[in-house]
Amino acid sequence: MTNSILTWDDVDVDAFGIEPLKIRHRLHQSPLFSDEMLATLIEQSARENYYVNTMDITSQDRRTRREGETGDISGQDALDAVKNGSIWYLLMQPEQVDQRYRELVDEIYDEMMRHVPHFRANRRKLSILVSSPKIQVYYHCDVPGQMLWQVRGTKRVYVYPPRQPFLPQPNLERIIMGEAHEISLDYDPAFDKEAIVYDLEPGQMLHWPLNAPHRISNHDCINVSFTTEHSTEATRRAFIVNYANGVLRRSLGINQLSQETAGPTYWAKYGVAGAYKALGMNKRRNLKYKVDFQVDPTGPKGIKDITPYEFSK
């Protein structure tokens, strides 16, 4: 690609990473997100590199979320199930199937760093989302810096402030320490009064502040989008501080903990986090998922029940 991926004319680069920004892009025209490529990714992705879920599309009750598997159907049959059912696919590490995705994510971040002087990204990652009409992603937060790129269809995105009561500090610490899932945050409909709401359309990208909680609901159409994740010096420092705060809260019962990422307090917490890991005390718990359905284009909601089994990740 020789042309810019993003349209920078109206972008406030000083606000990048500080407040939500919606920016135009041209990747909705890329053949990397065609049905043919999506079907190939579904067929060839290793089991540890995808999730497929179904859930109640009428409520925010995360207990209705179920884990599934593709089984032995073709990628095209899986896409047909998505188009006519109630399914959400997350395809991770697509570069293991096609190296062009690795090249794309590097091109994206290289361009961003040319236009945003204070932005230096590493640990770059791209994941692809394919989801049914009206499907939703429950209220949650992400640990790394993240952007959502819309390719096909329209979805409504609610972005909430990354502070109390939307993001309780102890909950964020448990997520960062690997003890809780991102969707473990409690949602209150009253939160919507302070949400910024976007209807994200093809050719638009949304970037929000680090750890900002958000939830998503598709319009009545199939959606194809992808996320990019990254680490910067600022996100790395925030991770260290919240990790150390989790250690201190658990070990010493301290409740009033600063999230400052500079000065003597930061360096003390850097030492706490480092010592905790060096002593082998950071045994990350494997999150276990009960898989109880298989994608089936002929089944109700595009799925069929199977004998449940556990999948660890």
Protein backbone atom coordinates (compact mmCIF):
# COMPACT_ATOMS: atom_id res chain seq x y z
CA MET A 1 0.00 0.00 0.00
CA THR A 2 1.38 3.38 -0.95
CA ASN A 3 -1.47 5.66 0.12
CA SER A 4 -2.31 6.57 3.70
CA ILE A 5 -4.52 4.10 5.52
CA LEU A 6 -6.11 6.79 7.69
CA THR A 7 -7.44 10.25 6.81
CA TRP A 8 -5.59 12.66 9.08
CA ASP A 9 -6.99 16.02 7.91
CA ASP A 10 -9.37 16.58 10.83
CA VAL A 11 -7.63 14.51 13.52
CA ASP A 12 -6.63 16.22 16.77
CA VAL A 13 -3.39 14.30 17.28
CA ASP A 14 -2.87 15.91 20.71
CA ALA A 15 -6.04 14.11 21.89
CA PHE A 16 -4.86 10.72 20.60
CA GLY A 17 -5.08 8.24 23.48
CA ILE A 18 -6.57 10.85 25.81
CA GLU A 19 -10.14 11.05 24.56
CA PRO A 20 -12.18 8.93 22.14
CA LEU A 21 -11.45 9.67 18.49
CA LYS A 22 -13.22 8.48 15.34
CA ILE A 23 -10.99 8.51 12.25
CA ARG A 24 -11.70 7.54 8.65
CA HIS A 25 -9.75 4.70 7.02
CA ARG A 26 -9.77 2.78 3.73
CA LEU A 27 -9.26 -0.80 4.90
CA HIS A 28 -12.92 -1.67 4.34
CA GLN A 29 -11.79 -1.96 0.71
CA SER A 30 -9.01 -4.46 1.45
CA PRO A 31 -9.29 -8.02 0.05
CA LEU A 32 -7.88 -9.24 3.37
CA PHE A 33 -11.42 -8.95 4.78
CA SER A 34 -13.32 -10.58 1.91
CA ASP A 35 -15.60 -13.55 2.60
CA GLU A 36 -13.05 -15.80 0.90
CA MET A 37 -10.28 -14.72 3.28
CA LEU A 38 -12.56 -14.90 6.33
CA ALA A 39 -13.60 -18.43 5.41
CA THR A 40 -9.94 -19.41 5.03
CA LEU A 41 -9.09 -17.96 8.45
CA ILE A 42 -11.97 -19.80 10.12
CA GLU A 43 -10.91 -23.08 8.53
CA GLN A 44 -7.19 -22.75 9.20
CA SER A 45 -6.98 -20.98 12.57
CA ALA A 46 -5.62 -23.17 15.36
CA ARG A 47 -8.11 -23.94 18.15
CA GLU A 48 -6.28 -21.67 20.60
CA ASN A 49 -6.54 -18.78 18.13
CA TYR A 50 -10.29 -18.32 17.97
CA TYR A 51 -13.37 -17.93 20.11
CA VAL A 52 -16.93 -18.35 18.93
CA ASN A 53 -19.77 -17.25 21.20
CA THR A 54 -23.53 -16.92 21.26
CA MET A 55 -25.56 -14.93 23.77
CA ASP A 56 -28.92 -13.34 24.52
CA ILE A 57 -29.19 -10.31 22.23
CA THR A 58 -31.92 -8.69 24.34
CA SER A 59 -30.12 -8.16 27.65
CA GLN A 60 -26.77 -7.38 29.26
CA ASP A 61 -26.84 -10.59 31.31
CA ARG A 62 -23.35 -11.96 30.61
CA ARG A 63 -24.39 -15.32 32.08
CA THR A 64 -26.16 -16.04 28.78
CA ARG A 65 -22.83 -15.96 26.91
CA ARG A 66 -21.84 -19.44 25.71
CA GLU A 67 -18.58 -20.77 24.28
CA GLY A 68 -18.54 -22.89 21.16
CA GLU A 69 -16.38 -24.48 18.48
CA THR A 70 -16.34 -24.52 14.70
CA GLY A 71 -16.13 -28.29 14.41
CA ASP A 72 -15.48 -29.82 11.01
CA ILE A 73 -17.66 -27.56 8.85
CA SER A 74 -16.19 -25.40 6.10
CA GLY A 75 -15.33 -21.76 6.60
CA GLN A 76 -18.08 -20.78 4.16
CA ASP A 77 -20.64 -22.79 6.15
CA ALA A 78 -19.47 -21.01 9.28
CA LEU A 79 -19.97 -17.64 7.58
CA ASP A 80 -23.47 -18.70 6.52
CA ALA A 81 -24.21 -19.55 10.16
CA VAL A 82 -23.01 -16.11 11.21
CA LYS A 83 -25.12 -14.34 8.58
CA ASN A 84 -28.32 -16.15 9.60
CA GLY A 85 -27.71 -16.85 13.28
CA SER A 86 -26.60 -15.27 16.54
CA ILE A 87 -22.85 -15.83 16.59
CA TRP A 88 -19.73 -13.79 17.37
CA TYR A 89 -16.33 -14.94 16.05
CA LEU A 90 -12.98 -13.63 17.30
CA LEU A 91 -10.10 -14.72 15.06
CA MET A 92 -6.73 -14.08 16.69
CA GLN A 93 -3.23 -14.12 15.23
CA PRO A 94 -4.40 -14.26 11.59
CA GLU A 95 -0.77 -13.74 10.55
CA GLN A 96 -0.19 -17.41 11.39
CA VAL A 97 -2.46 -18.20 8.44
CA ASP A 98 -1.41 -15.34 6.13
CA GLN A 99 1.65 -13.16 6.70
CA ARG A 100 -0.06 -10.19 5.05
CA TYR A 101 -1.92 -9.47 8.29
CA ARG A 102 1.44 -9.01 10.06
CA GLU A 103 2.50 -6.62 7.32
CA LEU A 104 -0.79 -4.75 7.61
CA VAL A 105 -0.61 -4.19 11.36
CA ASP A 106 2.96 -2.91 11.05
CA GLU A 107 1.93 -0.57 8.27
CA ILE A 108 -0.93 0.76 10.39
CA TYR A 109 1.25 1.55 13.39
CA ASP A 110 4.16 2.90 11.37
CA GLU A 111 1.77 5.40 9.79
CA MET A 112 0.31 6.37 13.16
CA MET A 113 3.76 7.05 14.59
CA ARG A 114 4.55 9.32 11.65
CA HIS A 115 1.46 11.43 12.35
CA VAL A 116 1.27 11.37 16.16
CA PRO A 117 4.56 12.63 17.60
CA HIS A 118 4.02 11.34 21.16
CA PHE A 119 2.85 7.86 20.05
CA ARG A 120 5.38 5.00 19.98
CA ALA A 121 3.76 1.58 19.76
CA ASN A 122 5.18 -1.90 20.18
CA ARG A 123 3.71 -5.37 20.80
CA ARG A 124 1.33 -4.80 17.92
CA LYS A 125 -1.53 -7.19 17.39
CA LEU A 126 -4.49 -7.58 15.01
CA SER A 127 -7.62 -9.69 15.59
CA ILE A 128 -10.68 -10.05 13.38
CA LEU A 129 -14.33 -9.99 14.47
CA VAL A 130 -17.15 -11.51 12.42
CA SER A 131 -20.58 -11.27 14.02
CA SER A 132 -24.28 -11.77 13.35
CA PRO A 133 -26.97 -9.10 13.08
CA LYS A 134 -27.96 -7.61 16.46
CA ILE A 135 -25.25 -9.54 18.33
CA GLN A 136 -23.56 -7.71 21.19
CA VAL A 137 -20.30 -7.52 23.10
CA TYR A 138 -20.93 -7.14 26.81
CA TYR A 139 -19.66 -4.29 28.95
CA HIS A 140 -15.93 -4.80 29.49
CA CYS A 141 -12.50 -3.20 29.41
CA ASP A 142 -9.32 -4.19 27.59
CA VAL A 143 -5.84 -4.23 29.13
CA PRO A 144 -3.74 -3.03 26.15
CA GLY A 145 -4.26 0.08 24.06
CA GLN A 146 -6.92 -0.72 21.50
CA MET A 147 -8.63 0.51 18.33
CA LEU A 148 -11.73 -0.82 16.58
CA TRP A 149 -11.82 -0.73 12.76
CA GLN A 150 -15.16 -1.18 10.99
CA VAL A 151 -15.09 -3.05 7.67
CA ARG A 152 -18.67 -4.15 6.97
CA GLY A 153 -22.02 -3.41 8.57
CA THR A 154 -22.76 -0.89 11.33
CA LYS A 155 -22.44 -1.25 15.09
CA ARG A 156 -23.24 1.01 18.01
CA VAL A 157 -20.36 1.51 20.44
CA TYR A 158 -20.82 2.93 23.96
CA VAL A 159 -17.59 4.25 25.49
CA TYR A 160 -17.49 5.03 29.22
CA PRO A 161 -14.96 6.99 31.32
CA PRO A 162 -12.07 4.85 32.67
CA ARG A 163 -12.76 5.73 36.32
CA GLN A 164 -15.10 4.99 39.21
CA PRO A 165 -17.88 3.86 39.17
CA PHE A 166 -17.53 2.64 35.59
CA LEU A 167 -14.18 0.96 36.24
CA PRO A 168 -13.62 0.03 39.91
CA GLN A 169 -9.90 -0.05 40.62
CA PRO A 170 -9.88 -3.51 42.30
CA ASN A 171 -11.72 -5.01 39.32
CA LEU A 172 -9.18 -3.62 36.87
CA GLU A 173 -6.36 -5.03 39.00
CA ARG A 174 -7.88 -8.53 38.95
CA ILE A 175 -8.23 -8.37 35.16
CA ILE A 176 -4.63 -7.22 34.76
CA MET A 177 -3.37 -9.97 37.08
CA GLY A 178 -5.19 -12.57 34.99
CA GLU A 179 -7.63 -13.49 37.74
CA ALA A 180 -10.80 -12.25 36.04
CA HIS A 181 -12.18 -12.03 32.52
CA GLU A 182 -12.55 -8.66 30.81
CA ILE A 183 -16.35 -9.00 30.84
CA SER A 184 -16.41 -9.49 34.63
CA LEU A 185 -17.15 -5.77 35.13
CA ASP A 186 -20.64 -5.02 36.44
CA TYR A 187 -22.83 -2.93 34.14
CA ASP A 188 -25.47 -0.47 35.34
CA PRO A 189 -27.84 1.02 32.72
CA ALA A 190 -27.44 4.34 34.54
CA PHE A 191 -23.86 4.40 33.22
CA ASP A 192 -25.23 5.20 29.78
CA LYS A 193 -25.87 8.80 30.83
CA GLU A 194 -22.11 9.45 30.69
CA ALA A 195 -21.29 7.24 27.72
CA ILE A 196 -20.17 8.62 24.39
CA VAL A 197 -22.14 6.77 21.72
CA TYR A 198 -20.95 6.11 18.18
CA ASP A 199 -22.59 4.39 15.23
CA LEU A 200 -19.47 2.96 13.62
CA GLU A 201 -19.72 2.51 9.85
CA PRO A 202 -17.44 0.91 7.23
CA GLY A 203 -14.30 2.96 6.76
CA GLN A 204 -14.27 4.32 10.33
CA MET A 205 -11.89 3.56 13.19
CA LEU A 206 -12.52 4.28 16.87
CA HIS A 207 -9.76 4.74 19.46
CA TRP A 208 -10.51 5.31 23.15
CA PRO A 209 -8.45 6.01 26.30
CA LEU A 210 -6.61 3.12 27.93
CA ASN A 211 -8.91 0.68 29.81
CA ALA A 212 -12.04 2.70 29.00
CA PRO A 213 -15.02 0.36 29.48
CA HIS A 214 -17.22 -0.12 26.44
CA ARG A 215 -20.01 -2.26 25.07
CA ILE A 216 -21.15 -2.89 21.51
CA SER A 217 -24.34 -3.89 19.73
CA ASN A 218 -24.63 -4.64 16.03
CA HIS A 219 -27.30 -3.06 13.90
CA ASP A 220 -29.54 -5.48 12.00
CA CYS A 221 -26.75 -6.59 9.66
CA ILE A 222 -23.72 -8.87 9.64
CA ASN A 223 -20.62 -7.07 10.92
CA VAL A 224 -16.96 -7.51 10.00
CA SER A 225 -14.42 -5.48 11.93
CA PHE A 226 -10.98 -5.87 13.42
CA THR A 227 -9.15 -4.65 16.47
CA THR A 228 -5.57 -3.54 16.78
CA GLU A 229 -3.80 -3.70 20.14
CA HIS A 230 -0.55 -2.11 21.20
CA SER A 231 1.71 -1.27 24.08
CA THR A 232 3.42 2.08 24.67
CA GLU A 233 5.57 3.40 27.49
CA ALA A 234 2.43 4.94 29.03
CA THR A 235 0.38 1.73 28.82
CA ARG A 236 3.33 -0.28 30.17
CA ARG A 237 3.64 1.99 33.20
CA ALA A 238 -0.12 1.84 33.83
CA PHE A 239 0.02 -1.96 33.70
CA ILE A 240 2.89 -2.08 36.21
CA VAL A 241 1.15 0.29 38.64
CA ASN A 242 -2.17 -1.56 38.53
CA TYR A 243 -0.41 -4.91 38.85
CA ALA A 244 1.53 -3.70 41.90
CA ASN A 245 -1.64 -2.20 43.37
CA GLY A 246 -3.29 -5.60 43.06
CA VAL A 247 -0.38 -7.19 44.92
CA LEU A 248 -0.49 -4.57 47.69
CA ARG A 249 -4.25 -4.73 48.04
CA ARG A 250 -4.16 -8.50 48.38
CA SER A 251 -1.01 -8.85 50.50
CA LEU A 252 -1.30 -5.88 52.84
CA GLY A 253 -4.98 -4.98 52.70
CA ILE A 254 -4.25 -1.46 51.46
CA ASN A 255 -7.30 0.10 49.83
CA GLN A 256 -6.26 3.66 48.99
CA LEU A 257 -3.77 3.16 46.17
CA SER A 258 -2.53 5.77 43.73
CA GLN A 259 -2.47 5.08 40.00
CA GLU A 260 0.26 7.64 39.33
CA THR A 261 2.76 6.47 36.73
CA ALA A 262 5.67 8.77 37.52
CA GLY A 263 7.88 9.74 40.46
CA PRO A 264 9.13 7.78 43.48
CA THR A 265 5.80 6.00 44.04
CA TYR A 266 5.88 4.57 40.54
CA TRP A 267 9.42 3.25 40.97
CA ALA A 268 8.53 1.67 44.31
CA LYS A 269 5.63 -0.13 42.64
CA TYR A 270 7.88 -1.12 39.76
CA GLY A 271 10.00 -2.89 42.38
CA VAL A 272 6.96 -4.53 43.99
CA ALA A 273 5.72 -5.92 40.67
CA GLY A 274 9.19 -7.09 39.69
CA ALA A 275 9.80 -8.81 43.03
CA TYR A 276 6.41 -10.50 42.95
CA LYS A 277 7.18 -11.96 39.53
CA ALA A 278 10.80 -12.83 40.38
CA LEU A 279 9.62 -14.85 43.38
CA GLY A 280 7.29 -16.83 41.13
CA MET A 281 4.20 -15.58 42.92
CA ASN A 282 2.45 -14.40 39.76
CA LYS A 283 1.00 -17.74 38.80
CA ARG A 284 -1.54 -16.70 36.23
CA ARG A 285 -4.70 -18.72 36.51
CA ASN A 286 -5.79 -20.52 33.38
CA LEU A 287 -9.25 -19.25 32.53
CA LYS A 288 -11.48 -22.24 31.82
CA TYR A 289 -14.33 -22.13 29.35
CA LYS A 290 -17.17 -24.62 29.03
CA VAL A 291 -17.70 -25.34 25.35
CA ASP A 292 -21.26 -26.57 24.79
CA PHE A 293 -22.20 -25.81 21.19
CA GLN A 294 -20.94 -26.22 17.66
CA VAL A 295 -21.48 -23.88 14.74
CA ASP A 296 -24.17 -25.29 12.44
CA PRO A 297 -25.65 -23.27 9.54
CA THR A 298 -28.81 -25.43 9.63
CA GLY A 299 -29.44 -25.07 13.37
CA PRO A 300 -31.50 -22.50 15.27
CA LYS A 301 -29.38 -19.37 15.72
CA GLY A 302 -26.66 -21.07 13.64
CA ILE A 303 -25.63 -23.53 16.34
CA LYS A 304 -26.28 -27.00 17.71
CA ASP A 305 -25.75 -28.23 21.27
CA ILE A 306 -22.94 -30.70 21.96
CA THR A 307 -21.73 -32.60 25.00
CA PRO A 308 -19.98 -29.93 27.12
CA TYR A 309 -16.23 -30.00 27.65
CA GLU A 310 -13.66 -27.62 29.15
CA PHE A 311 -11.26 -25.51 27.16
CA SER A 312 -8.41 -23.72 29.01
CA LYS A 313 -6.54 -20.66 27.84
